[in-house]
């Protein structure tokens, strides 16, 4: 089993926001990933290790949004209201 040094290890969670999760694809569902990440975050916090929940997004006018070709473009030019929220399972304390 992997051993982590609590003095030098942090958990960084990226792209697990309510507004991004509906676009998830892959071998695991968004719910499975969030559930596992939540359990891992709880273990990190219980051992005194830091957990950082990163928010990813852009301004309302999409000025800094990437403009490269994509397989499935965003259906709207407005971020969903819940875009910035982290799932409760991650233990966010905004």
Protein backbone atom coordinates (compact mmCIF):
# COMPACT_ATOMS: atom_id res chain seq x y z
CA UNK A 1 0.00 0.00 0.00
CA UNK A 2 1.19 3.51 -0.78
CA UNK A 3 2.44 5.45 2.23
CA UNK A 4 2.21 9.24 2.23
CA UNK A 5 4.15 11.62 4.46
CA UNK A 6 1.54 13.77 6.23
CA UNK A 7 4.01 16.65 6.53
CA UNK A 8 4.62 16.92 2.79
CA UNK A 9 1.41 15.67 1.19
CA UNK A 10 -1.78 17.50 0.22
CA UNK A 11 -4.85 16.47 -1.74
CA UNK A 12 -5.71 18.74 -4.67
CA UNK A 13 -9.18 18.15 -6.18
CA UNK A 14 -9.75 19.65 -9.64
CA UNK A 15 -12.83 19.61 -11.93
CA UNK A 16 -15.22 18.16 -9.35
CA UNK A 17 -17.72 21.02 -9.51
CA UNK A 18 -21.47 20.61 -9.90
CA UNK A 19 -21.42 22.44 -13.23
CA UNK A 20 -18.68 20.24 -14.70
CA UNK A 21 -19.83 16.82 -13.47
CA UNK A 22 -22.63 16.41 -16.06
CA UNK A 23 -19.94 16.37 -18.77
CA UNK A 24 -18.01 13.50 -17.17
CA UNK A 25 -17.15 10.55 -19.31
CA UNK A 26 -14.97 7.55 -18.77
CA UNK A 27 -14.89 4.26 -17.03
CA UNK A 28 -16.46 5.62 -13.79
CA UNK A 29 -19.56 7.74 -13.25
CA UNK A 30 -19.34 11.22 -11.78
CA UNK A 31 -21.10 9.94 -8.63
CA UNK A 32 -18.49 7.20 -8.17
CA UNK A 33 -15.62 9.64 -8.58
CA UNK A 34 -17.15 12.20 -6.19
CA UNK A 35 -17.89 9.49 -3.62
CA UNK A 36 -14.30 8.20 -3.71
CA UNK A 37 -12.83 11.70 -3.67
CA UNK A 38 -15.04 12.57 -0.69
CA UNK A 39 -13.82 9.54 1.26
CA UNK A 40 -10.22 10.36 0.43
CA UNK A 41 -10.69 14.02 1.43
CA UNK A 42 -12.21 12.93 4.76
CA UNK A 43 -9.20 10.68 5.46
CA UNK A 44 -6.78 13.48 4.60
CA UNK A 45 -8.60 15.92 6.89
CA UNK A 46 -8.78 13.36 9.71
CA UNK A 47 -5.01 12.96 9.59
CA UNK A 48 -4.41 16.72 9.52
CA UNK A 49 -3.38 16.86 5.87
CA UNK A 50 -4.58 19.77 3.75
CA UNK A 51 -7.29 19.40 1.11
CA UNK A 52 -7.60 21.98 -1.66
CA UNK A 53 -10.79 22.13 -3.73
CA UNK A 54 -9.96 24.04 -6.91
CA UNK A 55 -12.62 25.99 -8.80
CA UNK A 56 -12.24 26.17 -12.57
CA UNK A 57 -14.17 28.57 -14.77
CA UNK A 58 -14.18 31.88 -16.55
CA UNK A 59 -15.94 35.21 -16.57
CA UNK A 60 -19.52 35.70 -17.73
CA UNK A 61 -18.43 37.00 -21.15
CA UNK A 62 -16.24 33.91 -21.78
CA UNK A 63 -13.35 36.27 -22.71
CA UNK A 64 -10.65 33.95 -21.37
CA UNK A 65 -12.36 30.67 -22.32
CA UNK A 66 -10.35 28.55 -24.75
CA UNK A 67 -11.52 28.71 -28.34
CA UNK A 68 -9.88 25.59 -29.82
CA UNK A 69 -11.92 22.94 -31.69
CA UNK A 70 -13.55 20.42 -29.36
CA UNK A 71 -15.57 17.22 -29.73
CA UNK A 72 -18.61 18.61 -27.91
CA UNK A 73 -18.83 22.38 -27.50
CA UNK A 74 -20.56 23.92 -24.52
CA UNK A 75 -24.32 23.97 -25.17
CA UNK A 76 -24.71 27.49 -23.83
CA UNK A 77 -22.70 30.67 -23.59
CA UNK A 78 -23.62 31.00 -19.92
CA UNK A 79 -22.19 29.01 -17.03
CA UNK A 80 -24.85 27.03 -15.13
CA UNK A 81 -25.83 28.57 -11.79
CA UNK A 82 -24.27 25.68 -9.90
CA UNK A 83 -21.03 25.73 -11.92
CA UNK A 84 -18.85 26.89 -9.03
CA UNK A 85 -20.31 24.64 -6.31
CA UNK A 86 -18.48 21.59 -5.03
CA UNK A 87 -20.55 18.49 -4.22
CA UNK A 88 -21.42 18.14 -0.53
CA UNK A 89 -19.59 14.79 -0.44
CA UNK A 90 -16.28 16.67 -0.75
CA UNK A 91 -16.85 18.44 2.56
CA UNK A 92 -16.43 21.97 1.20
CA UNK A 93 -16.72 24.65 3.87
CA UNK A 94 -16.85 27.72 1.62
